Amino acid sequence: MDNNEVRQKIEELVKSEQELRESGPEQARQPGHTAQLRSIEIQLDQCWDLLRQRQARVHAGENPDEARVRPAGEVEGYRQ
């Protein structure tokens, strides 16, 4: 995935996240709503991490295509 593809995926995920967050209380009580929202949040974190990896590789003179999506547990464990 190149930078543009990663950014496009981020935009799609943000849109999905916003739709879920803006859904009414009835939708929020549906089974799986919270799990779906959490899944999107994790995917967003992974995409942002991948984009940062790619940018760091370019800055270091390395091939950005060698950057890989890291496991959710690793990405979610980062400190802000």
PDB file of N, CA and C in Angstrom:
ATOM      1  N   MET A   1       0.848  -1.175   0.000  1.00  0.00           N
ATOM      2  CA  MET A   1       0.000   0.000   0.000  1.00  0.00           C
ATOM      3  C   MET A   1       0.897   1.243   0.000  1.00  0.00           C
ATOM      4  N   ASP A   2       0.664   2.150  -0.939  1.00  0.00           N
ATOM      5  CA  ASP A   2       1.448   3.375  -0.935  1.00  0.00           C
ATOM      6  C   ASP A   2       0.771   4.421  -0.040  1.00  0.00           C
ATOM      7  N   ASN A   3       1.426   5.574   0.125  1.00  0.00           N
ATOM      8  CA  ASN A   3       0.907   6.602   1.038  1.00  0.00           C
ATOM      9  C   ASN A   3      -0.506   7.041   0.679  1.00  0.00           C
ATOM     10  N   ASN A   4      -0.776   7.213  -0.619  1.00  0.00           N
ATOM     11  CA  ASN A   4      -2.110   7.641  -1.032  1.00  0.00           C
ATOM     12  C   ASN A   4      -3.166   6.592  -0.679  1.00  0.00           C
ATOM     13  N   GLU A   5      -2.835   5.341  -0.858  1.00  0.00           N
ATOM     14  CA  GLU A   5      -3.767   4.264  -0.514  1.00  0.00           C
ATOM     15  C   GLU A   5      -4.021   4.224   0.990  1.00  0.00           C
ATOM     16  N   VAL A   6      -2.971   4.432   1.767  1.00  0.00           N
ATOM     17  CA  VAL A   6      -3.121   4.452   3.221  1.00  0.00           C
ATOM     18  C   VAL A   6      -4.011   5.624   3.629  1.00  0.00           C
ATOM     19  N   ARG A   7      -3.765   6.791   3.059  1.00  0.00           N
ATOM     20  CA  ARG A   7      -4.594   7.966   3.374  1.00  0.00           C
ATOM     21  C   ARG A   7      -6.053   7.752   2.976  1.00  0.00           C
ATOM     22  N   GLN A   8      -6.273   7.114   1.830  1.00  0.00           N
ATOM     23  CA  GLN A   8      -7.633   6.838   1.383  1.00  0.00           C
ATOM     24  C   GLN A   8      -8.330   5.882   2.356  1.00  0.00           C
ATOM     25  N   LYS A   9      -7.597   4.875   2.806  1.00  0.00           N
ATOM     26  CA  LYS A   9      -8.156   3.927   3.778  1.00  0.00           C
ATOM     27  C   LYS A   9      -8.501   4.653   5.078  1.00  0.00           C
ATOM     28  N   ILE A  10      -7.632   5.564   5.509  1.00  0.00           N
ATOM     29  CA  ILE A  10      -7.887   6.347   6.721  1.00  0.00           C
ATOM     30  C   ILE A  10      -9.168   7.157   6.545  1.00  0.00           C
ATOM     31  N   GLU A  11      -9.330   7.800   5.401  1.00  0.00           N
ATOM     32  CA  GLU A  11     -10.537   8.587   5.151  1.00  0.00           C
ATOM     33  C   GLU A  11     -11.796   7.723   5.208  1.00  0.00           C
ATOM     34  N   GLU A  12     -11.726   6.536   4.632  1.00  0.00           N
ATOM     35  CA  GLU A  12     -12.869   5.619   4.646  1.00  0.00           C
ATOM     36  C   GLU A  12     -13.205   5.197   6.074  1.00  0.00           C
ATOM     37  N   LEU A  13     -12.167   4.880   6.841  1.00  0.00           N
ATOM     38  CA  LEU A  13     -12.382   4.456   8.225  1.00  0.00           C
ATOM     39  C   LEU A  13     -12.940   5.588   9.073  1.00  0.00           C
ATOM     40  N   VAL A  14     -12.437   6.794   8.879  1.00  0.00           N
ATOM     41  CA  VAL A  14     -12.934   7.954   9.636  1.00  0.00           C
ATOM     42  C   VAL A  14     -14.414   8.166   9.325  1.00  0.00           C
ATOM     43  N   LYS A  15     -14.780   8.050   8.063  1.00  0.00           N
ATOM     44  CA  LYS A  15     -16.180   8.213   7.676  1.00  0.00           C
ATOM     45  C   LYS A  15     -17.051   7.149   8.360  1.00  0.00           C
ATOM     46  N   SER A  16     -16.599   5.911   8.340  1.00  0.00           N
ATOM     47  CA  SER A  16     -17.339   4.830   8.997  1.00  0.00           C
ATOM     48  C   SER A  16     -17.454   5.068  10.494  1.00  0.00           C
ATOM     49  N   GLU A  17     -16.363   5.529  11.093  1.00  0.00           N
ATOM     50  CA  GLU A  17     -16.369   5.806  12.532  1.00  0.00           C
ATOM     51  C   GLU A  17     -17.376   6.916  12.845  1.00  0.00           C
ATOM     52  N   GLN A  18     -17.372   7.965  12.064  1.00  0.00           N
ATOM     53  CA  GLN A  18     -18.294   9.078  12.296  1.00  0.00           C
ATOM     54  C   GLN A  18     -19.746   8.623  12.151  1.00  0.00           C
ATOM     55  N   GLU A  19     -20.014   7.816  11.141  1.00  0.00           N
ATOM     56  CA  GLU A  19     -21.368   7.309  10.942  1.00  0.00           C
ATOM     57  C   GLU A  19     -21.832   6.493  12.142  1.00  0.00           C
ATOM     58  N   LEU A  20     -20.956   5.660  12.658  1.00  0.00           N
ATOM     59  CA  LEU A  20     -21.308   4.854  13.826  1.00  0.00           C
ATOM     60  C   LEU A  20     -21.528   5.720  15.059  1.00  0.00           C
ATOM     61  N   ARG A  21     -20.662   6.690  15.246  1.00  0.00           N
ATOM     62  CA  ARG A  21     -20.784   7.560  16.420  1.00  0.00           C
ATOM     63  C   ARG A  21     -22.034   8.443  16.349  1.00  0.00           C
ATOM     64  N   GLU A  22     -22.431   8.806  15.127  1.00  0.00           N
ATOM     65  CA  GLU A  22     -23.585   9.676  14.961  1.00  0.00           C
ATOM     66  C   GLU A  22     -24.900   8.918  14.861  1.00  0.00           C
ATOM     67  N   SER A  23     -24.821   7.600  14.828  1.00  0.00           N
ATOM     68  CA  SER A  23     -26.057   6.817  14.758  1.00  0.00           C
ATOM     69  C   SER A  23     -26.842   7.024  16.052  1.00  0.00           C
ATOM     70  N   GLY A  24     -28.126   6.906  15.955  1.00  0.00           N
ATOM     71  CA  GLY A  24     -28.985   7.158  17.101  1.00  0.00           C
ATOM     72  C   GLY A  24     -28.810   6.142  18.208  1.00  0.00           C
ATOM     73  N   PRO A  25     -29.467   6.404  19.337  1.00  0.00           N
ATOM     74  CA  PRO A  25     -29.360   5.507  20.491  1.00  0.00           C
ATOM     75  C   PRO A  25     -29.845   4.090  20.189  1.00  0.00           C
ATOM     76  N   GLU A  26     -30.823   3.971  19.304  1.00  0.00           N
ATOM     77  CA  GLU A  26     -31.309   2.636  18.929  1.00  0.00           C
ATOM     78  C   GLU A  26     -30.192   1.821  18.291  1.00  0.00           C
ATOM     79  N   GLN A  27     -29.478   2.436  17.377  1.00  0.00           N
ATOM     80  CA  GLN A  27     -28.381   1.757  16.684  1.00  0.00           C
ATOM     81  C   GLN A  27     -27.254   1.423  17.657  1.00  0.00           C
ATOM     82  N   ALA A  28     -26.981   2.329  18.579  1.00  0.00           N
ATOM     83  CA  ALA A  28     -25.892   2.117  19.537  1.00  0.00           C
ATOM     84  C   ALA A  28     -26.144   0.913  20.428  1.00  0.00           C
ATOM     85  N   ARG A  29     -27.407   0.552  20.599  1.00  0.00           N
ATOM     86  CA  ARG A  29     -27.735  -0.605  21.447  1.00  0.00           C
ATOM     87  C   ARG A  29     -27.730  -1.923  20.679  1.00  0.00           C
ATOM     88  N   GLN A  30     -27.548  -1.852  19.380  1.00  0.00           N
ATOM     89  CA  GLN A  30     -27.542  -3.064  18.565  1.00  0.00           C
ATOM     90  C   GLN A  30     -26.314  -3.915  18.902  1.00  0.00           C
ATOM     91  N   PRO A  31     -26.498  -5.247  18.883  1.00  0.00           N
ATOM     92  CA  PRO A  31     -25.350  -6.122  19.138  1.00  0.00           C
ATOM     93  C   PRO A  31     -24.238  -5.855  18.124  1.00  0.00           C
ATOM     94  N   GLY A  32     -23.048  -5.788  18.596  1.00  0.00           N
ATOM     95  CA  GLY A  32     -21.899  -5.618  17.731  1.00  0.00           C
ATOM     96  C   GLY A  32     -21.521  -4.178  17.445  1.00  0.00           C
ATOM     97  N   HIS A  33     -22.355  -3.217  17.836  1.00  0.00           N
ATOM     98  CA  HIS A  33     -22.052  -1.802  17.550  1.00  0.00           C
ATOM     99  C   HIS A  33     -20.730  -1.391  18.191  1.00  0.00           C
ATOM    100  N   THR A  34     -20.574  -1.699  19.459  1.00  0.00           N
ATOM    101  CA  THR A  34     -19.343  -1.325  20.178  1.00  0.00           C
ATOM    102  C   THR A  34     -18.135  -2.057  19.603  1.00  0.00           C
ATOM    103  N   ALA A  35     -18.314  -3.336  19.290  1.00  0.00           N
ATOM    104  CA  ALA A  35     -17.209  -4.109  18.722  1.00  0.00           C
ATOM    105  C   ALA A  35     -16.812  -3.569  17.352  1.00  0.00           C
ATOM    106  N   GLN A  36     -17.790  -3.170  16.543  1.00  0.00           N
ATOM    107  CA  GLN A  36     -17.504  -2.618  15.230  1.00  0.00           C
ATOM    108  C   GLN A  36     -16.755  -1.292  15.355  1.00  0.00           C
ATOM    109  N   LEU A  37     -17.190  -0.467  16.279  1.00  0.00           N
ATOM    110  CA  LEU A  37     -16.528   0.813  16.503  1.00  0.00           C
ATOM    111  C   LEU A  37     -15.092   0.591  16.967  1.00  0.00           C
ATOM    112  N   ARG A  38     -14.897  -0.340  17.866  1.00  0.00           N
ATOM    113  CA  ARG A  38     -13.549  -0.640  18.370  1.00  0.00           C
ATOM    114  C   ARG A  38     -12.649  -1.171  17.252  1.00  0.00           C
ATOM    115  N   SER A  39     -13.197  -2.002  16.398  1.00  0.00           N
ATOM    116  CA  SER A  39     -12.437  -2.541  15.275  1.00  0.00           C
ATOM    117  C   SER A  39     -11.966  -1.422  14.346  1.00  0.00           C
ATOM    118  N   ILE A  40     -12.842  -0.477  14.089  1.00  0.00           N
ATOM    119  CA  ILE A  40     -12.480   0.663  13.238  1.00  0.00           C
ATOM    120  C   ILE A  40     -11.386   1.488  13.897  1.00  0.00           C
ATOM    121  N   GLU A  41     -11.503   1.719  15.197  1.00  0.00           N
ATOM    122  CA  GLU A  41     -10.476   2.490  15.914  1.00  0.00           C
ATOM    123  C   GLU A  41      -9.110   1.813  15.817  1.00  0.00           C
ATOM    124  N   ILE A  42      -9.086   0.501  15.949  1.00  0.00           N
ATOM    125  CA  ILE A  42      -7.825  -0.249  15.864  1.00  0.00           C
ATOM    126  C   ILE A  42      -7.256  -0.158  14.456  1.00  0.00           C
ATOM    127  N   GLN A  43      -8.113  -0.334  13.452  1.00  0.00           N
ATOM    128  CA  GLN A  43      -7.647  -0.233  12.068  1.00  0.00           C
ATOM    129  C   GLN A  43      -7.084   1.158  11.772  1.00  0.00           C
ATOM    130  N   LEU A  44      -7.742   2.179  12.313  1.00  0.00           N
ATOM    131  CA  LEU A  44      -7.232   3.546  12.138  1.00  0.00           C
ATOM    132  C   LEU A  44      -5.845   3.691  12.750  1.00  0.00           C
ATOM    133  N   ASP A  45      -5.673   3.185  13.959  1.00  0.00           N
ATOM    134  CA  ASP A  45      -4.359   3.254  14.607  1.00  0.00           C
ATOM    135  C   ASP A  45      -3.305   2.532  13.773  1.00  0.00           C
ATOM    136  N   GLN A  46      -3.665   1.384  13.216  1.00  0.00           N
ATOM    137  CA  GLN A  46      -2.724   0.630  12.394  1.00  0.00           C
ATOM    138  C   GLN A  46      -2.374   1.396  11.113  1.00  0.00           C
ATOM    139  N   CYS A  47      -3.355   2.027  10.501  1.00  0.00           N
ATOM    140  CA  CYS A  47      -3.093   2.798   9.280  1.00  0.00           C
ATOM    141  C   CYS A  47      -2.200   4.001   9.567  1.00  0.00           C
ATOM    142  N   TRP A  48      -2.504   4.727  10.646  1.00  0.00           N
ATOM    143  CA  TRP A  48      -1.657   5.877  10.999  1.00  0.00           C
ATOM    144  C   TRP A  48      -0.235   5.418  11.294  1.00  0.00           C
ATOM    145  N   ASP A  49      -0.086   4.286  11.974  1.00  0.00           N
ATOM    146  CA  ASP A  49       1.236   3.746  12.269  1.00  0.00           C
ATOM    147  C   ASP A  49       1.961   3.387  10.978  1.00  0.00           C
ATOM    148  N   LEU A  50       1.258   2.751  10.048  1.00  0.00           N
ATOM    149  CA  LEU A  50       1.868   2.378   8.768  1.00  0.00           C
ATOM    150  C   LEU A  50       2.320   3.621   8.011  1.00  0.00           C
ATOM    151  N   LEU A  51       1.498   4.649   7.998  1.00  0.00           N
ATOM    152  CA  LEU A  51       1.864   5.883   7.314  1.00  0.00           C
ATOM    153  C   LEU A  51       3.109   6.508   7.947  1.00  0.00           C
ATOM    154  N   ARG A  52       3.160   6.520   9.281  1.00  0.00           N
ATOM    155  CA  ARG A  52       4.351   7.059   9.966  1.00  0.00           C
ATOM    156  C   ARG A  52       5.592   6.215   9.669  1.00  0.00           C
ATOM    157  N   GLN A  53       5.431   4.890   9.631  1.00  0.00           N
ATOM    158  CA  GLN A  53       6.558   4.018   9.288  1.00  0.00           C
ATOM    159  C   GLN A  53       7.089   4.337   7.893  1.00  0.00           C
ATOM    160  N   ARG A  54       6.164   4.470   6.947  1.00  0.00           N
ATOM    161  CA  ARG A  54       6.549   4.754   5.565  1.00  0.00           C
ATOM    162  C   ARG A  54       7.296   6.084   5.465  1.00  0.00           C
ATOM    163  N   GLN A  55       6.789   7.098   6.140  1.00  0.00           N
ATOM    164  CA  GLN A  55       7.427   8.409   6.116  1.00  0.00           C
ATOM    165  C   GLN A  55       8.805   8.356   6.777  1.00  0.00           C
ATOM    166  N   ALA A  56       8.932   7.621   7.846  1.00  0.00           N
ATOM    167  CA  ALA A  56      10.223   7.491   8.524  1.00  0.00           C
ATOM    168  C   ALA A  56      11.234   6.772   7.632  1.00  0.00           C
ATOM    169  N   ARG A  57      10.782   5.765   6.918  1.00  0.00           N
ATOM    170  CA  ARG A  57      11.678   5.040   6.015  1.00  0.00           C
ATOM    171  C   ARG A  57      12.167   5.947   4.888  1.00  0.00           C
ATOM    172  N   VAL A  58      11.283   6.757   4.345  1.00  0.00           N
ATOM    173  CA  VAL A  58      11.690   7.697   3.293  1.00  0.00           C
ATOM    174  C   VAL A  58      12.731   8.662   3.855  1.00  0.00           C
ATOM    175  N   HIS A  59      12.461   9.197   5.036  1.00  0.00           N
ATOM    176  CA  HIS A  59      13.378  10.146   5.675  1.00  0.00           C
ATOM    177  C   HIS A  59      14.746   9.504   5.935  1.00  0.00           C
ATOM    178  N   ALA A  60      14.751   8.200   6.238  1.00  0.00           N
ATOM    179  CA  ALA A  60      16.002   7.497   6.527  1.00  0.00           C
ATOM    180  C   ALA A  60      16.672   6.959   5.262  1.00  0.00           C
ATOM    181  N   GLY A  61      16.070   7.221   4.091  1.00  0.00           N
ATOM    182  CA  GLY A  61      16.652   6.748   2.844  1.00  0.00           C
ATOM    183  C   GLY A  61      16.386   5.279   2.579  1.00  0.00           C
ATOM    184  N   GLU A  62      15.375   4.734   3.234  1.00  0.00           N
ATOM    185  CA  GLU A  62      15.034   3.326   3.071  1.00  0.00           C
ATOM    186  C   GLU A  62      13.782   3.188   2.202  1.00  0.00           C
ATOM    187  N   ASN A  63      13.493   1.972   1.808  1.00  0.00           N
ATOM    188  CA  ASN A  63      12.342   1.686   0.959  1.00  0.00           C
ATOM    189  C   ASN A  63      11.061   1.714   1.793  1.00  0.00           C
ATOM    190  N   PRO A  64      10.136   2.642   1.520  1.00  0.00           N
ATOM    191  CA  PRO A  64       8.891   2.708   2.297  1.00  0.00           C
ATOM    192  C   PRO A  64       8.001   1.495   2.098  1.00  0.00           C
ATOM    193  N   ASP A  65       8.182   0.772   0.990  1.00  0.00           N
ATOM    194  CA  ASP A  65       7.357  -0.404   0.725  1.00  0.00           C
ATOM    195  C   ASP A  65       7.689  -1.577   1.652  1.00  0.00           C
ATOM    196  N   GLU A  66       8.763  -1.453   2.404  1.00  0.00           N
ATOM    197  CA  GLU A  66       9.101  -2.493   3.372  1.00  0.00           C
ATOM    198  C   GLU A  66       8.374  -2.313   4.702  1.00  0.00           C
ATOM    199  N   ALA A  67       7.660  -1.203   4.863  1.00  0.00           N
ATOM    200  CA  ALA A  67       6.862  -0.974   6.075  1.00  0.00           C
ATOM    201  C   ALA A  67       5.703  -1.967   6.079  1.00  0.00           C
ATOM    202  N   ARG A  68       5.347  -2.454   7.233  1.00  0.00           N
ATOM    203  CA  ARG A  68       4.283  -3.449   7.363  1.00  0.00           C
ATOM    204  C   ARG A  68       3.292  -3.036   8.438  1.00  0.00           C
ATOM    205  N   VAL A  69       2.054  -3.472   8.257  1.00  0.00           N
ATOM    206  CA  VAL A  69       1.030  -3.248   9.276  1.00  0.00           C
ATOM    207  C   VAL A  69       1.425  -4.051  10.511  1.00  0.00           C
ATOM    208  N   ARG A  70       1.498  -3.368  11.627  1.00  0.00           N
ATOM    209  CA  ARG A  70       1.869  -4.046  12.876  1.00  0.00           C
ATOM    210  C   ARG A  70       0.617  -4.608  13.548  1.00  0.00           C
ATOM    211  N   PRO A  71       0.794  -5.636  14.366  1.00  0.00           N
ATOM    212  CA  PRO A  71      -0.358  -6.230  15.063  1.00  0.00           C
ATOM    213  C   PRO A  71      -1.052  -5.219  15.959  1.00  0.00           C
ATOM    214  N   ALA A  72      -2.351  -5.406  16.118  1.00  0.00           N
ATOM    215  CA  ALA A  72      -3.163  -4.494  16.934  1.00  0.00           C
ATOM    216  C   ALA A  72      -2.581  -4.347  18.333  1.00  0.00           C
ATOM    217  N   GLY A  73      -2.171  -5.435  18.946  1.00  0.00           N
ATOM    218  CA  GLY A  73      -1.627  -5.376  20.303  1.00  0.00           C
ATOM    219  C   GLY A  73      -0.398  -4.505  20.412  1.00  0.00           C
ATOM    220  N   GLU A  74       0.405  -4.495  19.380  1.00  0.00           N
ATOM    221  CA  GLU A  74       1.605  -3.667  19.383  1.00  0.00           C
ATOM    222  C   GLU A  74       1.244  -2.189  19.192  1.00  0.00           C
ATOM    223  N   VAL A  75       0.407  -1.908  18.218  1.00  0.00           N
ATOM    224  CA  VAL A  75       0.028  -0.533  17.912  1.00  0.00           C
ATOM    225  C   VAL A  75      -0.775   0.059  19.051  1.00  0.00           C
ATOM    226  N   GLU A  76      -1.666  -0.713  19.640  1.00  0.00           N
ATOM    227  CA  GLU A  76      -2.500  -0.217  20.715  1.00  0.00           C
ATOM    228  C   GLU A  76      -1.709   0.012  22.017  1.00  0.00           C
ATOM    229  N   GLY A  77      -0.525  -0.588  22.101  1.00  0.00           N
ATOM    230  CA  GLY A  77       0.278  -0.434  23.305  1.00  0.00           C
ATOM    231  C   GLY A  77       1.173   0.800  23.305  1.00  0.00           C
ATOM    232  N   TYR A  78       1.178   1.544  22.213  1.00  0.00           N
ATOM    233  CA  TYR A  78       2.014   2.741  22.140  1.00  0.00           C
ATOM    234  C   TYR A  78       1.525   3.784  23.108  1.00  0.00           C
ATOM    235  N   ARG A  79       2.451   4.508  23.663  1.00  0.00           N
ATOM    236  CA  ARG A  79       2.114   5.618  24.543  1.00  0.00           C
ATOM    237  C   ARG A  79       2.105   6.893  23.736  1.00  0.00           C
ATOM    238  N   GLN A  80       1.155   7.735  24.000  1.00  0.00           N
ATOM    239  CA  GLN A  80       1.035   8.987  23.258  1.00  0.00           C
ATOM    240  C   GLN A  80       1.948  10.036  23.842  1.00  0.00           C
TER     241      GLN A  80
END
